[in-house]
C-alpha atoms as a PDB file:
ATOM      1  CA  MET A   1      57.536-139.271 -35.512  1.00  0.00           C
ATOM      2  CA  LEU A   2      59.608-136.928 -37.702  1.00  0.00           C
ATOM      3  CA  LEU A   3      62.118-136.345 -34.916  1.00  0.00           C
ATOM      4  CA  ASN A   4      62.577-140.098 -34.509  1.00  0.00           C
ATOM      5  CA  ILE A   5      63.229-140.466 -38.242  1.00  0.00           C
ATOM      6  CA  ILE A   6      65.789-137.638 -38.183  1.00  0.00           C
ATOM      7  CA  LYS A   7      67.521-139.156 -35.136  1.00  0.00           C
ATOM      8  CA  LYS A   8      67.666-142.557 -36.805  1.00  0.00           C
ATOM      9  CA  LEU A   9      69.052-140.977 -39.985  1.00  0.00           C
ATOM     10  CA  GLU A  10      71.764-139.162 -38.034  1.00  0.00           C
ATOM     11  CA  CYS A  11      72.843-142.371 -36.312  1.00  0.00           C
ATOM     12  CA  GLN A  12      73.106-144.102 -39.679  1.00  0.00           C
ATOM     13  CA  LEU A  13      75.090-141.163 -41.062  1.00  0.00           C
ATOM     14  CA  ILE A  14      77.628-141.315 -38.231  1.00  0.00           C
ATOM     15  CA  LYS A  15      78.187-145.055 -38.857  1.00  0.00           C
ATOM     16  CA  THR A  16      78.454-144.538 -42.625  1.00  0.00           C
ATOM     17  CA  ILE A  17      80.905-141.637 -42.272  1.00  0.00           C
ATOM     18  CA  TYR A  18      83.179-143.838 -40.185  1.00  0.00           C
ATOM     19  CA  ILE A  19      82.998-146.665 -42.744  1.00  0.00           C
ATOM     20  CA  ASN A  20      83.712-144.389 -45.729  1.00  0.00           C
ATOM     21  CA  TYR A  21      86.039-141.743 -44.269  1.00  0.00           C
ATOM     22  CA  GLY A  22      87.543-143.323 -41.175  1.00  0.00           C
ATOM     23  CA  PHE A  23      86.390-140.892 -38.496  1.00  0.00           C
ATOM     24  CA  SER A  24      83.417-140.478 -36.164  1.00  0.00           C
ATOM     25  CA  PRO A  25      81.967-136.939 -36.089  1.00  0.00           C
ATOM     26  CA  GLU A  26      82.015-135.125 -32.771  1.00  0.00           C
ATOM     27  CA  SER A  27      78.754-133.459 -33.724  1.00  0.00           C
ATOM     28  CA  ILE A  28      76.324-133.479 -36.619  1.00  0.00           C
ATOM     29  CA  ILE A  29      73.872-130.566 -36.806  1.00  0.00           C
ATOM     30  CA  LEU A  30      70.866-130.387 -39.142  1.00  0.00           C
ATOM     31  CA  ILE A  31      70.877-127.108 -41.115  1.00  0.00           C
ATOM     32  CA  LYS A  32      67.916-127.734 -43.422  1.00  0.00           C
ATOM     33  CA  SER A  33      65.696-130.636 -44.414  1.00  0.00           C
ATOM     34  CA  TYR A  34      64.256-129.672 -47.813  1.00  0.00           C
ATOM     35  CA  PRO A  35      64.705-130.244 -50.708  1.00  0.00           C
ATOM     36  CA  GLU A  36      67.691-132.185 -49.354  1.00  0.00           C
ATOM     37  CA  PHE A  37      68.941-132.874 -45.842  1.00  0.00           C
ATOM     38  CA  VAL A  38      72.001-130.718 -45.133  1.00  0.00           C
ATOM     39  CA  TYR A  39      74.164-131.054 -42.021  1.00  0.00           C
ATOM     40  CA  LYS A  40      77.161-129.340 -40.509  1.00  0.00           C
ATOM     41  CA  VAL A  41      79.680-131.956 -39.372  1.00  0.00           C
ATOM     42  CA  ASN A  42      82.430-131.256 -36.832  1.00  0.00           C
ATOM     43  CA  TYR A  43      85.499-133.396 -36.241  1.00  0.00           C
ATOM     44  CA  LYS A  44      88.464-132.083 -34.252  1.00  0.00           C
ATOM     45  CA  ASN A  45      89.654-128.948 -36.091  1.00  0.00           C
ATOM     46  CA  SER A  46      87.812-129.784 -39.316  1.00  0.00           C
ATOM     47  CA  LYS A  47      84.313-128.727 -40.342  1.00  0.00           C
ATOM     48  CA  PHE A  48      82.284-130.108 -43.221  1.00  0.00           C
ATOM     49  CA  ILE A  49      78.958-129.619 -44.928  1.00  0.00           C
ATOM     50  CA  LEU A  50      77.166-132.914 -45.522  1.00  0.00           C
ATOM     51  CA  LYS A  51      74.428-133.052 -48.128  1.00  0.00           C
ATOM     52  CA  ILE A  52      72.177-136.045 -48.812  1.00  0.00           C
ATOM     53  CA  LEU A  53      71.098-136.611 -52.403  1.00  0.00           C
ATOM     54  CA  LYS A  54      68.795-138.925 -54.274  1.00  0.00           C
ATOM     55  CA  LYS A  55      70.130-141.239 -56.948  1.00  0.00           C
ATOM     56  CA  ASP A  56      68.936-139.014 -59.828  1.00  0.00           C
ATOM     57  CA  LYS A  57      71.493-136.377 -58.761  1.00  0.00           C
ATOM     58  CA  ILE A  58      74.386-138.828 -59.121  1.00  0.00           C
ATOM     59  CA  ASP A  59      75.408-138.370 -62.714  1.00  0.00           C
ATOM     60  CA  ILE A  60      78.829-139.521 -63.911  1.00  0.00           C
ATOM     61  CA  GLU A  61      79.246-136.513 -66.207  1.00  0.00           C
ATOM     62  CA  ARG A  62      78.472-134.141 -63.336  1.00  0.00           C
ATOM     63  CA  ILE A  63      80.868-135.990 -61.041  1.00  0.00           C
ATOM     64  CA  ASN A  64      83.701-135.753 -63.545  1.00  0.00           C
ATOM     65  CA  PHE A  65      83.040-132.050 -64.082  1.00  0.00           C
ATOM     66  CA  ILE A  66      83.019-131.333 -60.333  1.00  0.00           C
ATOM     67  CA  LYS A  67      86.365-133.140 -60.006  1.00  0.00           C
ATOM     68  CA  PHE A  68      87.719-131.027 -62.853  1.00  0.00           C
ATOM     69  CA  ILE A  69      86.440-127.708 -61.502  1.00  0.00           C
ATOM     70  CA  GLN A  70      87.805-128.489 -58.024  1.00  0.00           C
ATOM     71  CA  LYS A  71      91.281-128.770 -59.535  1.00  0.00           C
ATOM     72  CA  SER A  72      90.878-125.730 -61.795  1.00  0.00           C
ATOM     73  CA  ILE A  73      89.251-123.110 -59.576  1.00  0.00           C
ATOM     74  CA  GLU A  74      89.355-122.399 -55.842  1.00  0.00           C
ATOM     75  CA  ILE A  75      86.052-123.771 -54.551  1.00  0.00           C
ATOM     76  CA  PRO A  76      85.266-125.668 -51.337  1.00  0.00           C
ATOM     77  CA  LYS A  77      86.631-129.150 -51.934  1.00  0.00           C
ATOM     78  CA  ILE A  78      84.584-132.313 -51.580  1.00  0.00           C
ATOM     79  CA  LEU A  79      86.332-134.931 -49.467  1.00  0.00           C
ATOM     80  CA  LEU A  80      87.061-138.172 -51.319  1.00  0.00           C
ATOM     81  CA  ASN A  81      86.051-141.368 -49.538  1.00  0.00           C
ATOM     82  CA  TYR A  82      88.121-144.555 -49.176  1.00  0.00           C
ATOM     83  CA  ASN A  83      87.062-145.586 -52.688  1.00  0.00           C
ATOM     84  CA  ASN A  84      88.331-142.283 -54.079  1.00  0.00           C
ATOM     85  CA  LYS A  85      84.768-141.202 -54.868  1.00  0.00           C
ATOM     86  CA  LEU A  86      82.968-137.902 -54.250  1.00  0.00           C
ATOM     87  CA  TYR A  87      79.725-139.554 -53.139  1.00  0.00           C
ATOM     88  CA  SER A  88      79.165-142.259 -50.555  1.00  0.00           C
ATOM     89  CA  GLU A  89      76.212-144.630 -50.405  1.00  0.00           C
ATOM     90  CA  LEU A  90      73.774-144.297 -47.532  1.00  0.00           C
ATOM     91  CA  TYR A  91      71.242-147.038 -46.804  1.00  0.00           C
ATOM     92  CA  PHE A  92      68.289-145.814 -44.791  1.00  0.00           C
ATOM     93  CA  ASP A  93      65.358-148.175 -44.291  1.00  0.00           C
ATOM     94  CA  GLU A  94      64.486-149.334 -47.826  1.00  0.00           C
ATOM     95  CA  TYR A  95      66.096-146.308 -49.484  1.00  0.00           C
ATOM     96  CA  LYS A  96      69.470-146.083 -51.128  1.00  0.00           C
ATOM     97  CA  LEU A  97      70.698-142.512 -50.881  1.00  0.00           C
ATOM     98  CA  PHE A  98      74.012-140.742 -51.412  1.00  0.00           C
ATOM     99  CA  PHE A  99      75.886-138.015 -49.585  1.00  0.00           C
ATOM    100  CA  TYR A 100      79.054-135.992 -49.817  1.00  0.00           C
ATOM    101  CA  LEU A 101      81.276-134.167 -47.337  1.00  0.00           C
ATOM    102  CA  GLN A 102      82.462-130.730 -48.414  1.00  0.00           C
ATOM    103  CA  TYR A 103      85.025-128.725 -46.479  1.00  0.00           C
ATOM    104  CA  PHE A 104      83.334-125.862 -44.648  1.00  0.00           C
ATOM    105  CA  ILE A 105      84.570-122.352 -45.395  1.00  0.00           C
ATOM    106  CA  GLU A 106      84.217-119.683 -42.754  1.00  0.00           C
ATOM    107  CA  GLY A 107      82.385-116.898 -44.508  1.00  0.00           C
ATOM    108  CA  LYS A 108      78.974-115.338 -44.831  1.00  0.00           C
ATOM    109  CA  ASP A 109      76.067-115.095 -47.204  1.00  0.00           C
ATOM    110  CA  ILE A 110      76.465-112.473 -49.900  1.00  0.00           C
ATOM    111  CA  ASN A 111      74.924-109.134 -48.954  1.00  0.00           C
ATOM    112  CA  TYR A 112      73.966-107.156 -52.044  1.00  0.00           C
ATOM    113  CA  GLU A 113      73.576-103.967 -50.054  1.00  0.00           C
ATOM    114  CA  ASN A 114      77.234-103.816 -50.986  1.00  0.00           C
ATOM    115  CA  ASN A 115      76.874-103.381 -54.746  1.00  0.00           C
ATOM    116  CA  ASN A 116      80.460-104.484 -55.351  1.00  0.00           C
ATOM    117  CA  ASN A 117      79.420-108.037 -54.461  1.00  0.00           C
ATOM    118  CA  ALA A 118      77.385-108.200 -57.689  1.00  0.00           C
ATOM    119  CA  ILE A 119      80.561-107.352 -59.617  1.00  0.00           C
ATOM    120  CA  LYS A 120      82.503-110.048 -57.744  1.00  0.00           C
ATOM    121  CA  TYR A 121      79.750-112.605 -58.374  1.00  0.00           C
ATOM    122  CA  GLY A 122      79.771-111.926 -62.111  1.00  0.00           C
ATOM    123  CA  ARG A 123      83.562-112.012 -62.234  1.00  0.00           C
ATOM    124  CA  GLU A 124      83.819-115.380 -60.474  1.00  0.00           C
ATOM    125  CA  LEU A 125      81.023-116.900 -62.573  1.00  0.00           C
ATOM    126  CA  SER A 126      82.769-115.906 -65.800  1.00  0.00           C
ATOM    127  CA  LEU A 127      85.966-117.610 -64.607  1.00  0.00           C
ATOM    128  CA  ILE A 128      84.008-120.812 -64.020  1.00  0.00           C
ATOM    129  CA  HIS A 129      82.540-120.634 -67.533  1.00  0.00           C
ATOM    130  CA  ILE A 130      85.933-119.985 -69.102  1.00  0.00           C
ATOM    131  CA  LYS A 131      87.420-123.008 -67.325  1.00  0.00           C
ATOM    132  CA  SER A 132      84.404-125.101 -68.265  1.00  0.00           C
ATOM    133  CA  MET A 133      84.964-124.289 -71.945  1.00  0.00           C
ATOM    134  CA  THR A 134      88.339-126.027 -71.690  1.00  0.00           C
ATOM    135  CA  TYR A 135      86.700-129.095 -70.163  1.00  0.00           C
ATOM    136  CA  LYS A 136      84.000-129.874 -72.681  1.00  0.00           C
ATOM    137  CA  LYS A 137      81.950-128.174 -75.370  1.00  0.00           C
ATOM    138  CA  HIS A 138      79.085-129.785 -77.229  1.00  0.00           C
ATOM    139  CA  TYR A 139      77.199-128.161 -80.095  1.00  0.00           C
ATOM    140  CA  ALA A 140      73.572-129.138 -79.662  1.00  0.00           C
ATOM    141  CA  GLU A 141      69.929-128.117 -79.788  1.00  0.00           C
ATOM    142  CA  VAL A 142      68.370-126.115 -76.965  1.00  0.00           C
ATOM    143  CA  ASP A 143      64.590-125.843 -76.591  1.00  0.00           C
ATOM    144  CA  ILE A 144      63.777-123.574 -73.653  1.00  0.00           C
ATOM    145  CA  PHE A 145      59.999-123.678 -74.077  1.00  0.00           C
ATOM    146  CA  LYS A 146      60.055-127.476 -74.156  1.00  0.00           C
ATOM    147  CA  GLU A 147      61.616-127.387 -70.697  1.00  0.00           C
ATOM    148  CA  CYS A 148      59.081-124.770 -69.573  1.00  0.00           C
ATOM    149  CA  ILE A 149      56.288-127.064 -70.783  1.00  0.00           C
ATOM    150  CA  LYS A 150      57.667-129.928 -68.682  1.00  0.00           C
ATOM    151  CA  GLU A 151      57.750-127.754 -65.547  1.00  0.00           C
ATOM    152  CA  LEU A 152      54.294-126.301 -66.242  1.00  0.00           C
ATOM    153  CA  GLU A 153      52.648-129.675 -66.752  1.00  0.00           C
ATOM    154  CA  TYR A 154      53.902-130.723 -63.327  1.00  0.00           C
ATOM    155  CA  ILE A 155      52.701-127.453 -61.766  1.00  0.00           C
ATOM    156  CA  LEU A 156      49.258-127.821 -63.330  1.00  0.00           C
ATOM    157  CA  GLU A 157      48.820-131.273 -61.803  1.00  0.00           C
ATOM    158  CA  ILE A 158      49.075-129.630 -58.378  1.00  0.00           C
ATOM    159  CA  LEU A 159      47.156-126.433 -59.166  1.00  0.00           C
ATOM    160  CA  LYS A 160      44.070-128.251 -60.419  1.00  0.00           C
ATOM    161  CA  PHE A 161      43.468-129.494 -56.871  1.00  0.00           C
ATOM    162  CA  ILE A 162      44.252-126.300 -54.946  1.00  0.00           C
ATOM    163  CA  ASN A 163      43.371-123.339 -57.193  1.00  0.00           C
ATOM    164  CA  LYS A 164      41.134-123.803 -60.236  1.00  0.00           C
ATOM    165  CA  LYS A 165      41.413-120.175 -61.359  1.00  0.00           C
ATOM    166  CA  ALA A 166      45.206-120.342 -61.339  1.00  0.00           C
ATOM    167  CA  TYR A 167      45.036-123.692 -63.124  1.00  0.00           C
ATOM    168  CA  TYR A 168      43.230-122.147 -66.096  1.00  0.00           C
ATOM    169  CA  SER A 169      45.517-119.099 -66.128  1.00  0.00           C
ATOM    170  CA  PHE A 170      48.691-121.179 -66.186  1.00  0.00           C
ATOM    171  CA  ASN A 171      47.143-123.558 -68.699  1.00  0.00           C
ATOM    172  CA  ASN A 172      46.849-120.591 -71.096  1.00  0.00           C
ATOM    173  CA  ILE A 173      50.585-120.033 -70.653  1.00  0.00           C
ATOM    174  CA  LEU A 174      51.151-123.721 -71.385  1.00  0.00           C
ATOM    175  CA  ILE A 175      49.160-123.377 -74.616  1.00  0.00           C
ATOM    176  CA  PHE A 176      51.292-120.355 -75.567  1.00  0.00           C
ATOM    177  CA  PHE A 177      54.522-122.310 -74.973  1.00  0.00           C
ATOM    178  CA  LYS A 178      53.296-125.195 -77.084  1.00  0.00           C
ATOM    179  CA  GLU A 179      52.318-122.854 -79.923  1.00  0.00           C
ATOM    180  CA  LYS A 180      55.691-121.069 -79.788  1.00  0.00           C
ATOM    181  CA  SER A 181      57.878-124.060 -78.985  1.00  0.00           C
ATOM    182  CA  LEU A 182      59.515-124.260 -82.394  1.00  0.00           C
ATOM    183  CA  GLU A 183      60.472-120.579 -82.154  1.00  0.00           C
ATOM    184  CA  SER A 184      62.452-121.220 -78.969  1.00  0.00           C
ATOM    185  CA  ILE A 185      64.783-123.812 -80.545  1.00  0.00           C
ATOM    186  CA  TYR A 186      68.351-122.783 -81.275  1.00  0.00           C
ATOM    187  CA  TYR A 187      71.789-124.376 -81.443  1.00  0.00           C
ATOM    188  CA  GLU A 188      74.630-123.481 -79.123  1.00  0.00           C
ATOM    189  CA  ASN A 189      78.028-124.651 -77.891  1.00  0.00           C
ATOM    190  CA  LEU A 190      76.976-126.118 -74.554  1.00  0.00           C
ATOM    191  CA  ILE A 191      79.337-126.220 -71.570  1.00  0.00           C
ATOM    192  CA  PHE A 192      78.991-127.462 -68.014  1.00  0.00           C
ATOM    193  CA  ILE A 193      77.311-124.726 -65.969  1.00  0.00           C
ATOM    194  CA  HIS A 194      76.626-124.356 -62.254  1.00  0.00           C
ATOM    195  CA  GLY A 195      72.858-124.454 -62.821  1.00  0.00           C
ATOM    196  CA  ASP A 196      71.572-122.327 -59.913  1.00  0.00           C
ATOM    197  CA  THR A 197      73.448-119.004 -59.766  1.00  0.00           C
ATOM    198  CA  HIS A 198      70.612-116.847 -58.442  1.00  0.00           C
ATOM    199  CA  GLY A 199      72.922-114.611 -56.444  1.00  0.00           C
ATOM    200  CA  GLY A 200      73.212-117.191 -53.677  1.00  0.00           C
ATOM    201  CA  ASN A 201      74.761-120.685 -53.605  1.00  0.00           C
ATOM    202  CA  ALA A 202      78.011-118.947 -52.795  1.00  0.00           C
ATOM    203  CA  ILE A 203      80.012-117.974 -49.726  1.00  0.00           C
ATOM    204  CA  LEU A 204      81.743-114.620 -49.325  1.00  0.00           C
ATOM    205  CA  ALA A 205      85.090-114.929 -47.568  1.00  0.00           C
ATOM    206  CA  LYS A 206      88.340-113.548 -48.974  1.00  0.00           C
ATOM    207  CA  LYS A 207      86.586-114.024 -52.340  1.00  0.00           C
ATOM    208  CA  ILE A 208      83.344-115.554 -53.579  1.00  0.00           C
ATOM    209  CA  TYR A 209      83.268-119.344 -53.458  1.00  0.00           C
ATOM    210  CA  PHE A 210      80.515-121.140 -55.366  1.00  0.00           C
ATOM    211  CA  ILE A 211      78.903-124.096 -53.607  1.00  0.00           C
ATOM    212  CA  ASP A 212      75.995-126.518 -54.269  1.00  0.00           C
ATOM    213  CA  TRP A 213      76.950-127.932 -57.668  1.00  0.00           C
ATOM    214  CA  ASP A 214      74.119-130.494 -57.645  1.00  0.00           C
ATOM    215  CA  ASP A 215      72.314-128.824 -60.574  1.00  0.00           C
ATOM    216  CA  SER A 216      75.417-128.627 -62.720  1.00  0.00           C
ATOM    217  CA  LYS A 217      74.762-129.837 -66.247  1.00  0.00           C
ATOM    218  CA  LEU A 218      75.757-129.488 -69.888  1.00  0.00           C
ATOM    219  CA  TYR A 219      73.784-126.453 -71.024  1.00  0.00           C
ATOM    220  CA  ASP A 220      73.917-122.920 -72.390  1.00  0.00           C
ATOM    221  CA  LYS A 221      76.041-120.670 -70.118  1.00  0.00           C
ATOM    222  CA  TYR A 222      73.358-117.999 -70.479  1.00  0.00           C
ATOM    223  CA  TYR A 223      71.172-120.002 -68.105  1.00  0.00           C
ATOM    224  CA  ASP A 224      73.591-119.224 -65.261  1.00  0.00           C
ATOM    225  CA  ILE A 225      73.561-115.584 -66.334  1.00  0.00           C
ATOM    226  CA  SER A 226      69.751-115.606 -66.548  1.00  0.00           C
ATOM    227  CA  CYS A 227      69.444-116.974 -63.005  1.00  0.00           C
ATOM    228  CA  PHE A 228      71.110-113.809 -61.730  1.00  0.00           C
ATOM    229  CA  TYR A 229      68.891-111.684 -63.981  1.00  0.00           C
ATOM    230  CA  TRP A 230      65.879-113.498 -62.514  1.00  0.00           C
ATOM    231  CA  MET A 231      67.023-112.579 -59.007  1.00  0.00           C
ATOM    232  CA  CYS A 232      67.423-108.925 -59.994  1.00  0.00           C
ATOM    233  CA  ILE A 233      63.920-108.575 -61.425  1.00  0.00           C
ATOM    234  CA  THR A 234      62.391-110.617 -58.602  1.00  0.00           C
ATOM    235  CA  LEU A 235      63.885-108.298 -55.978  1.00  0.00           C
ATOM    236  CA  ASN A 236      63.525-105.181 -58.150  1.00  0.00           C
ATOM    237  CA  ARG A 237      67.297-104.619 -58.038  1.00  0.00           C
ATOM    238  CA  MET A 238      68.142-104.079 -61.699  1.00  0.00           C
ATOM    239  CA  ASN A 239      71.130-101.949 -60.687  1.00  0.00           C
ATOM    240  CA  LEU A 240      72.730-105.218 -59.582  1.00  0.00           C
ATOM    241  CA  TRP A 241      72.249-106.683 -63.058  1.00  0.00           C
ATOM    242  CA  ASN A 242      74.384-103.976 -64.661  1.00  0.00           C
ATOM    243  CA  LEU A 243      77.087-104.439 -62.032  1.00  0.00           C
ATOM    244  CA  PHE A 244      76.996-108.232 -62.455  1.00  0.00           C
ATOM    245  CA  CYS A 245      77.411-107.815 -66.228  1.00  0.00           C
ATOM    246  CA  ASN A 246      80.336-105.448 -65.678  1.00  0.00           C
ATOM    247  CA  GLY A 247      82.026-108.033 -63.477  1.00  0.00           C
ATOM    248  CA  TYR A 248      81.345-110.882 -65.894  1.00  0.00           C
ATOM    249  CA  GLN A 249      82.657-108.870 -68.839  1.00  0.00           C
ATOM    250  CA  GLU A 250      85.982-108.288 -67.134  1.00  0.00           C
ATOM    251  CA  ASN A 251      86.777-111.835 -68.315  1.00  0.00           C
ATOM    252  CA  TYR A 252      84.199-112.691 -70.991  1.00  0.00           C
ATOM    253  CA  PRO A 253      81.726-110.651 -73.061  1.00  0.00           C
ATOM    254  CA  ILE A 254      77.958-110.592 -72.493  1.00  0.00           C
ATOM    255  CA  ASN A 255      75.794-109.369 -75.355  1.00  0.00           C
ATOM    256  CA  TYR A 256      72.568-108.603 -73.497  1.00  0.00           C
ATOM    257  CA  THR A 257      70.867-106.950 -76.475  1.00  0.00           C
ATOM    258  CA  GLN A 258      71.534-109.860 -78.822  1.00  0.00           C
ATOM    259  CA  HIS A 259      70.509-112.450 -76.228  1.00  0.00           C
ATOM    260  CA  LYS A 260      67.675-110.554 -74.521  1.00  0.00           C
ATOM    261  CA  ASN A 261      64.962-112.999 -75.627  1.00  0.00           C
ATOM    262  CA  LYS A 262      67.031-115.964 -74.498  1.00  0.00           C
ATOM    263  CA  ILE A 263      67.612-114.406 -71.066  1.00  0.00           C
ATOM    264  CA  LEU A 264      63.900-113.623 -70.699  1.00  0.00           C
ATOM    265  CA  LYS A 265      62.884-117.175 -71.644  1.00  0.00           C
ATOM    266  CA  MET A 266      65.459-118.702 -69.305  1.00  0.00           C
ATOM    267  CA  SER A 267      64.254-116.401 -66.513  1.00  0.00           C
ATOM    268  CA  ILE A 268      60.764-117.815 -67.051  1.00  0.00           C
ATOM    269  CA  LEU A 269      62.189-121.333 -66.813  1.00  0.00           C
ATOM    270  CA  LYS A 270      63.984-120.445 -63.569  1.00  0.00           C
ATOM    271  CA  ASP A 271      60.801-118.975 -62.069  1.00  0.00           C
ATOM    272  CA  LEU A 272      58.811-122.084 -62.982  1.00  0.00           C
ATOM    273  CA  LYS A 273      61.424-124.272 -61.293  1.00  0.00           C
ATOM    274  CA  VAL A 274      61.220-122.197 -58.103  1.00  0.00           C
ATOM    275  CA  PHE A 275      57.408-122.142 -58.225  1.00  0.00           C
ATOM    276  CA  LYS A 276      57.369-125.936 -58.576  1.00  0.00           C
ATOM    277  CA  TYR A 277      59.754-126.229 -55.617  1.00  0.00           C
ATOM    278  CA  TYR A 278      57.402-124.275 -53.329  1.00  0.00           C
ATOM    279  CA  LEU A 279      54.358-126.183 -54.535  1.00  0.00           C
ATOM    280  CA  GLU A 280      56.119-129.495 -53.835  1.00  0.00           C
ATOM    281  CA  TYR A 281      57.210-128.314 -50.401  1.00  0.00           C
ATOM    282  CA  SER A 282      53.694-127.168 -49.538  1.00  0.00           C
ATOM    283  CA  GLN A 283      52.300-130.542 -50.608  1.00  0.00           C
ATOM    284  CA  MET A 284      54.934-132.433 -48.660  1.00  0.00           C
ATOM    285  CA  ILE A 285      54.264-130.720 -45.312  1.00  0.00           C
ATOM    286  CA  GLY A 286      50.499-130.625 -45.890  1.00  0.00           C
ATOM    287  CA  SER A 287      50.358-126.866 -45.561  1.00  0.00           C
ATOM    288  CA  ASP A 288      48.527-124.023 -47.267  1.00  0.00           C
ATOM    289  CA  LEU A 289      51.888-122.246 -47.400  1.00  0.00           C
ATOM    290  CA  ILE A 290      51.229-121.341 -51.037  1.00  0.00           C
ATOM    291  CA  LYS A 291      48.723-118.515 -50.765  1.00  0.00           C
ATOM    292  CA  ASP A 292      46.569-117.303 -53.658  1.00  0.00           C
ATOM    293  CA  ILE A 293      48.425-114.003 -53.691  1.00  0.00           C
ATOM    294  CA  TYR A 294      51.762-115.779 -54.233  1.00  0.00           C
ATOM    295  CA  ILE A 295      50.337-117.844 -57.094  1.00  0.00           C
ATOM    296  CA  THR A 296      48.906-114.683 -58.690  1.00  0.00           C
ATOM    297  CA  LYS A 297      52.289-112.957 -58.382  1.00  0.00           C
ATOM    298  CA  ARG A 298      53.995-115.854 -60.113  1.00  0.00           C
ATOM    299  CA  TYR A 299      51.479-115.731 -62.957  1.00  0.00           C
ATOM    300  CA  ASN A 300      51.851-111.960 -63.372  1.00  0.00           C
ATOM    301  CA  PHE A 301      55.633-112.230 -63.207  1.00  0.00           C
ATOM    302  CA  ILE A 302      55.791-114.859 -65.952  1.00  0.00           C
ATOM    303  CA  LYS A 303      53.179-113.093 -68.084  1.00  0.00           C
ATOM    304  CA  ASN A 304      55.181-109.862 -67.849  1.00  0.00           C
ATOM    305  CA  LEU A 305      58.323-111.637 -69.110  1.00  0.00           C
ATOM    306  CA  ILE A 306      56.364-113.239 -71.938  1.00  0.00           C
ATOM    307  CA  ASP A 307      55.078-109.817 -73.007  1.00  0.00           C
ATOM    308  CA  GLN A 308      58.674-108.568 -73.263  1.00  0.00           C
ATOM    309  CA  ILE A 309      59.730-111.342 -75.638  1.00  0.00           C
ATOM    310  CA  ILE A 310      60.000-110.025 -79.172  1.00  0.00           C
END
């Protein structure tokens, strides 16, 4: 059943690529199917990454920023269709989806056994932030705990059916966030950030190229920085954090001491987003992929970060 759906989708993609870009792929290879379908597309001497998105990812502000950043910094370019747009419509059964074609760069995933890659990652991220500051800045309110509450409420709706003990534990965290919500509000010059810089979402070739801009949004740049911090504490590689900061500060200063609480809170938000992702995936495939031990680790991880907040 699933294979038939995938085959049907691929046939529709080939037709739609021809309509929007004027060529028929020689091959289209599924790379991953969740949270979005991602394909590698081959045509003559050109290779592309094709990613299918839902409508809620198609935001005009994000589109304009991606167009800007493509012109400002060397990143894998998204191919414009016949209508001079980044995204093309894809009709599949009763669904209206979107996809883009991004030029494929021959490279490899970043290996942090080479510590210098953390420096390079920080350096390239700071350049993106500096360019973004020239694009748009907006002084506005940020409420990290409010966003944590939104993620937690979704998580609790799933946990109450699969793990009652975890449900009550995470509900206590929810109560804490609600009690402390006002304390997490601050004002900041927001810029467009990448939105998922956890040490991945980048290709290492002659330099580091950032990819997957689908979570880009107008927000505090420290969220991007916190995503890398989250990766470091998750993998117990805090030496990488110092190297990342050194690389970032080659172009722009990071004041970790002054912003420690913010980074901790944003790391909690990142962990909740990842936890929600795995819960959703487990529900979707009807699996007990999410084991009790993983849920307990997530609780202990978040509780440990909360305890560090001054």
